[in-house]
Protein backbone atom coordinates (compact mmCIF):
# COMPACT_ATOMS: atom_id res chain seq x y z
CA MET A 1 197.99 95.39 -157.37
CA THR A 2 195.51 92.28 -157.13
CA GLU A 3 192.19 91.87 -159.69
CA GLU A 4 190.02 91.67 -156.90
CA LEU A 5 191.03 94.87 -154.70
CA ILE A 6 191.13 95.89 -159.34
CA TYR A 7 187.39 94.71 -159.20
CA ARG A 8 187.04 97.33 -155.85
CA TYR A 9 187.87 99.98 -157.23
CA LEU A 10 185.83 99.77 -160.61
CA LEU A 11 182.35 97.92 -159.28
CA PHE A 12 182.54 101.60 -156.55
CA ALA A 13 182.61 103.18 -159.53
CA TRP A 14 180.94 102.48 -161.71
CA LEU A 15 178.07 101.88 -159.24
CA ALA A 16 178.89 105.53 -158.53
CA MET A 17 178.65 106.43 -162.88
CA ALA A 18 175.02 105.60 -162.78
CA GLY A 19 172.88 108.76 -161.39
CA GLY A 20 175.64 110.79 -163.53
CA VAL A 21 173.76 108.68 -166.16
CA PHE A 22 170.97 108.76 -165.39
CA VAL A 23 170.54 112.86 -164.94
CA LEU A 24 172.22 113.06 -168.31
CA LEU A 25 169.57 110.57 -170.33
CA LEU A 26 167.34 112.75 -168.57
CA PHE A 27 167.74 115.61 -171.27
CA VAL A 28 169.33 113.59 -173.54
CA ASN A 29 167.43 110.97 -175.37
CA ALA A 30 169.19 108.40 -176.55
CA PRO A 31 169.60 107.74 -180.42
CA TYR A 32 168.33 105.07 -181.03
CA GLY A 33 164.92 103.57 -182.53
CA ARG A 34 162.24 106.45 -182.12
CA HIS A 35 164.99 108.61 -180.75
CA PHE A 36 167.83 107.81 -184.44
CA SER A 37 169.58 111.34 -185.26
CA ALA A 38 172.52 111.22 -188.19
CA ARG A 39 174.37 113.22 -185.92
CA TRP A 40 175.89 110.57 -183.40
CA GLY A 41 178.27 109.51 -186.30
CA PRO A 42 177.92 105.93 -188.78
CA SER A 43 175.94 103.65 -188.22
CA ILE A 44 174.69 100.30 -188.84
CA PRO A 45 171.70 98.53 -189.29
CA ASN A 46 169.39 98.70 -186.37
CA ARG A 47 169.82 94.02 -186.16
CA LEU A 48 173.16 93.95 -186.32
CA GLY A 49 174.15 96.94 -183.52
CA TRP A 50 171.27 94.67 -181.57
CA LEU A 51 172.98 91.68 -181.88
CA LEU A 52 176.68 93.01 -181.35
CA MET A 53 175.64 94.17 -178.07
CA GLU A 54 173.93 92.04 -176.58
CA ALA A 55 175.55 88.61 -177.43
CA VAL A 56 178.32 90.74 -175.27
CA SER A 57 176.82 89.43 -172.20
CA VAL A 58 176.89 85.68 -173.27
CA LEU A 59 179.80 86.06 -173.68
CA VAL A 60 181.66 87.65 -170.16
CA PHE A 61 179.71 85.98 -168.72
CA ALA A 62 180.24 82.30 -169.64
CA ALA A 63 183.82 82.87 -169.32
CA CYS A 64 183.14 83.91 -165.46
CA PHE A 65 181.99 80.46 -165.43
CA VAL A 66 183.80 78.28 -167.15
CA THR A 67 186.88 80.11 -165.42
CA ALA A 68 185.14 80.04 -161.73
CA THR A 69 186.61 78.58 -158.14
CA ASN A 70 182.65 78.37 -156.82
CA SER A 71 180.29 75.78 -158.56
CA GLY A 72 177.19 74.19 -157.33
CA ILE A 73 173.45 74.05 -158.24
CA THR A 74 172.58 77.60 -157.10
CA LEU A 75 175.21 79.65 -158.85
CA SER A 76 174.16 77.12 -161.77
CA ILE A 77 170.44 78.44 -161.21
CA PHE A 78 171.80 82.02 -161.51
CA PHE A 79 174.11 81.19 -165.01
CA LEU A 80 170.68 79.40 -166.38
CA MET A 81 168.85 83.43 -165.42
CA TRP A 82 171.15 85.42 -166.69
CA GLN A 83 171.45 83.07 -169.67
CA ALA A 84 167.82 83.41 -169.89
CA HIS A 85 167.65 86.68 -170.77
CA TYR A 86 170.45 87.35 -173.15
CA ILE A 87 170.08 84.75 -175.14
CA HIS A 88 167.33 85.41 -176.16
CA ARG A 89 167.89 89.63 -176.54
CA ALA A 90 171.30 88.39 -178.38
CA PHE A 91 170.54 86.00 -181.20
CA ILE A 92 166.16 86.32 -180.80
CA TYR A 93 164.61 89.24 -180.41
CA PRO A 94 167.45 91.44 -182.54
CA PHE A 95 165.37 88.61 -185.51
CA THR A 96 162.06 89.37 -184.70
CA LEU A 97 161.57 93.48 -185.33
CA LYS A 98 160.67 94.40 -188.14
CA ASN A 99 164.48 95.86 -189.49
CA ASN A 100 162.56 98.69 -192.16
CA GLY A 101 165.96 100.43 -192.74
CA LEU A 102 166.56 101.19 -189.08
CA ARG A 103 169.66 102.02 -188.04
CA MET A 104 171.91 101.84 -184.88
CA PRO A 105 174.49 104.85 -184.44
CA LEU A 106 178.63 103.22 -183.94
CA ALA A 107 178.80 105.46 -181.05
CA VAL A 108 175.05 104.10 -179.05
CA THR A 109 176.90 100.18 -180.68
CA GLY A 110 179.87 100.68 -178.71
CA MET A 111 178.79 102.63 -175.63
CA GLY A 112 176.72 99.12 -175.26
CA ILE A 113 179.43 97.06 -175.76
CA VAL A 114 181.79 98.46 -173.11
CA PHE A 115 178.90 98.74 -170.45
CA ASN A 116 177.45 94.80 -170.94
CA THR A 117 181.36 93.70 -170.98
CA ILE A 118 181.88 95.51 -167.83
CA ASN A 119 178.28 94.47 -165.73
CA SER A 120 178.85 91.20 -167.15
CA TYR A 121 182.05 90.75 -165.37
CA LEU A 122 180.71 92.26 -162.35
CA ASN A 123 178.47 89.94 -162.26
CA GLY A 124 179.89 86.95 -162.86
CA ARG A 125 183.13 87.28 -161.69
CA HIS A 126 181.20 88.21 -158.57
CA LEU A 127 179.23 85.24 -158.09
CA PHE A 128 181.43 82.50 -159.28
CA THR A 129 184.91 83.44 -158.62
CA PHE A 130 184.89 86.65 -155.40
CA SER A 131 181.47 85.36 -153.32
CA ALA A 132 182.13 83.54 -150.81
CA GLY A 133 179.12 81.46 -152.85
CA TYR A 134 175.73 79.95 -152.33
CA ASP A 135 174.62 76.23 -150.67
CA ILE A 136 172.18 74.87 -151.55
CA ASP A 137 170.08 76.32 -149.14
CA TRP A 138 170.02 79.84 -150.43
CA LEU A 139 167.55 78.91 -152.55
CA SER A 140 164.57 78.55 -149.83
CA ASP A 141 165.67 81.87 -148.55
CA PRO A 142 163.38 83.91 -148.96
CA ARG A 143 165.63 86.56 -150.84
CA PHE A 144 166.25 84.25 -153.42
CA VAL A 145 162.84 83.72 -153.90
CA ILE A 146 161.73 87.13 -153.67
CA GLY A 147 163.95 87.61 -156.27
CA LEU A 148 163.52 84.96 -158.86
CA SER A 149 159.68 85.94 -158.68
CA LEU A 150 160.43 89.04 -159.33
CA PHE A 151 163.02 88.60 -161.99
CA GLY A 152 160.12 85.46 -163.66
CA ALA A 153 157.59 87.96 -163.04
CA GLY A 154 159.27 90.99 -165.09
CA PHE A 155 160.61 88.21 -167.82
CA ALA A 156 156.88 87.70 -169.18
CA ILE A 157 155.65 91.11 -168.61
CA ASN A 158 159.19 92.07 -171.19
CA ARG A 159 158.92 88.77 -173.28
CA LEU A 160 154.36 90.12 -173.55
CA ALA A 161 155.30 93.58 -174.22
CA ASP A 162 158.31 93.06 -176.61
CA GLY A 163 156.09 91.00 -178.70
CA ALA A 164 153.36 93.27 -178.59
CA LEU A 165 155.30 95.55 -180.20
CA VAL A 166 156.17 93.77 -183.12
CA LYS A 167 153.11 92.81 -184.02
CA LEU A 168 152.23 96.31 -184.66
CA ARG A 169 154.77 96.11 -187.77
CA ASN A 170 152.77 92.91 -189.23
CA GLY A 171 152.60 92.25 -192.56
CA ASP A 172 153.36 95.25 -194.77
CA ARG A 173 152.98 97.79 -191.67
CA SER A 174 156.14 100.03 -191.01
CA GLY A 175 156.60 102.90 -189.19
CA TYR A 176 155.20 103.60 -185.45
CA TYR A 177 151.32 103.29 -183.67
CA ILE A 178 149.91 103.23 -180.17
CA PRO A 179 150.01 99.58 -178.50
CA LYS A 180 146.99 98.88 -177.27
CA GLY A 181 146.26 95.84 -174.96
CA GLY A 182 147.54 94.04 -171.67
CA LEU A 183 150.19 96.77 -169.46
CA PHE A 184 150.07 98.92 -172.50
CA SER A 185 146.51 100.19 -171.24
CA LEU A 186 147.93 101.45 -168.17
CA VAL A 187 151.61 102.34 -168.99
CA SER A 188 153.94 103.62 -172.62
CA CYS A 189 156.59 101.66 -171.42
CA PRO A 190 155.87 97.84 -169.84
CA ASN A 191 158.80 96.15 -171.66
CA TYR A 192 160.91 98.95 -169.99
CA LEU A 193 158.87 97.58 -166.50
CA GLY A 194 159.69 94.58 -167.28
CA GLU A 195 163.60 95.15 -167.40
CA ILE A 196 163.68 97.06 -164.90
CA MET A 197 161.89 94.23 -162.53
CA ILE A 198 164.24 91.24 -163.85
CA TRP A 199 167.22 93.00 -162.65
CA THR A 200 165.62 94.33 -159.95
CA GLY A 201 164.39 90.47 -158.83
CA TRP A 202 168.27 89.72 -160.13
CA ALA A 203 170.27 92.21 -157.45
CA VAL A 204 167.28 90.64 -154.43
CA ALA A 205 168.22 86.66 -155.18
CA THR A 206 171.76 87.28 -155.69
CA TRP A 207 171.81 89.88 -152.95
CA SER A 208 175.20 91.28 -153.71
CA LEU A 209 176.90 94.81 -154.36
CA PRO A 210 177.24 94.02 -158.29
CA GLY A 211 173.53 93.00 -158.72
CA LEU A 212 172.61 96.20 -156.70
CA ALA A 213 174.46 98.20 -159.51
CA PHE A 214 172.85 96.30 -162.23
CA ALA A 215 169.76 97.16 -161.01
CA VAL A 216 170.35 100.76 -160.71
CA TRP A 217 171.89 101.19 -163.77
CA THR A 218 168.57 99.38 -165.41
CA VAL A 219 167.28 102.14 -163.71
CA ALA A 220 168.91 105.12 -164.83
CA ASN A 221 168.57 103.67 -168.66
CA LEU A 222 165.29 103.03 -168.75
CA ALA A 223 163.13 105.20 -166.27
CA PRO A 224 164.26 108.70 -168.92
CA ARG A 225 163.89 106.66 -171.85
CA ALA A 226 159.78 105.40 -171.05
CA VAL A 227 159.63 109.50 -170.04
CA ALA A 228 161.40 110.06 -173.73
CA HIS A 229 159.35 107.58 -175.12
CA HIS A 230 155.69 108.52 -173.42
CA ARG A 231 156.02 112.47 -174.24
CA TRP A 232 157.33 111.60 -178.21
CA TYR A 233 153.67 109.15 -177.76
CA ARG A 234 151.65 112.54 -177.05
CA THR A 235 153.69 114.84 -178.92
CA THR A 236 153.12 112.51 -182.04
CA PHE A 237 149.34 110.84 -181.42
CA PRO A 238 146.66 113.29 -180.58
CA ASP A 239 144.59 110.70 -179.38
CA TYR A 240 147.11 109.22 -177.52
CA PRO A 241 144.99 107.28 -173.61
CA PRO A 242 145.68 110.00 -171.06
CA GLN A 243 145.28 107.66 -168.40
CA ARG A 244 148.57 105.92 -169.19
CA ARG A 245 151.17 106.71 -167.18
CA ALA A 246 154.91 106.08 -168.54
CA LEU A 247 156.00 103.73 -166.51
CA ILE A 248 154.78 102.71 -163.65
CA PRO A 249 151.00 101.88 -163.62
CA TYR A 250 149.07 105.24 -162.12
CA ILE A 251 151.96 106.80 -160.39
CA TRP A 252 154.55 108.13 -163.34
C-alpha cells in the first residue's frame, strides 16, 4: 500500500470524524481554560500545554515543505500563511497569557498534539507533494484572492480579540471579566470567529479537500466552545450584555 493511498483513506476518515466531534462537544466542554476539570487526570501548566500542542503544526508543516516535490512562489506563500499563524500560536501567544496557576490536562495536550500532527501532515503533504501544484497564475485566481482576504481579516480579528482578553488581566488582576469593545460588543467569542475565518479562507485559497477538512474541524471544535463560553458568561455575570450573540453577530 502506497503512502498516497494511505493518505487518501486518512483524509476521508478525518473529514468524517469532524461531524462526530461536533456532536460530542455540544454536550462535553473541552476541559481547559475556564472549563478546566481535574477529573481529566494529570495536568501541566497551561502555557506549556499550548506550546507543546501548537509547535507540532510548525514542525510538521515545515517538514512537508522541505521534503516537497512541488515548488514555486504560490506554495511559498501558503507556507508563510500557515507559519504566520502557528509560530504566533506556539511561540508568542502562550507567553502573553497570565498564567495565574491555570493548568491543562495532559489528555487535552495529547489530543491537541495528535490533531495538529495529522492536520499539518494532511495539508502540507497535499500542497507540497500530492497536489498538481499551483502556478503563479493562481495568485490572481478569484479563489486565492477571496481566500487570502478572508484569511487576513480573520487573522486580524483573532489577534485583536486575543489581545483584548489578555489586557483584561493587566497588573495584578486575575480571574475572568466581561470583555468590551470591538467585536466583543456583538459576540462573546470574536477570537473564535476570527479563527474560523482564517481556516475558511485557507480552504478557499488552497481549494483543497484537506483545507476543507481543516475548516470543518475548526467549526466543529470552536462553534460548540463559543456556545459554552456564551452560556458561561451569562451564568457568571448577571449584567452580561443581552444583545451579544455567541459567535456570529446578530444571528447566533
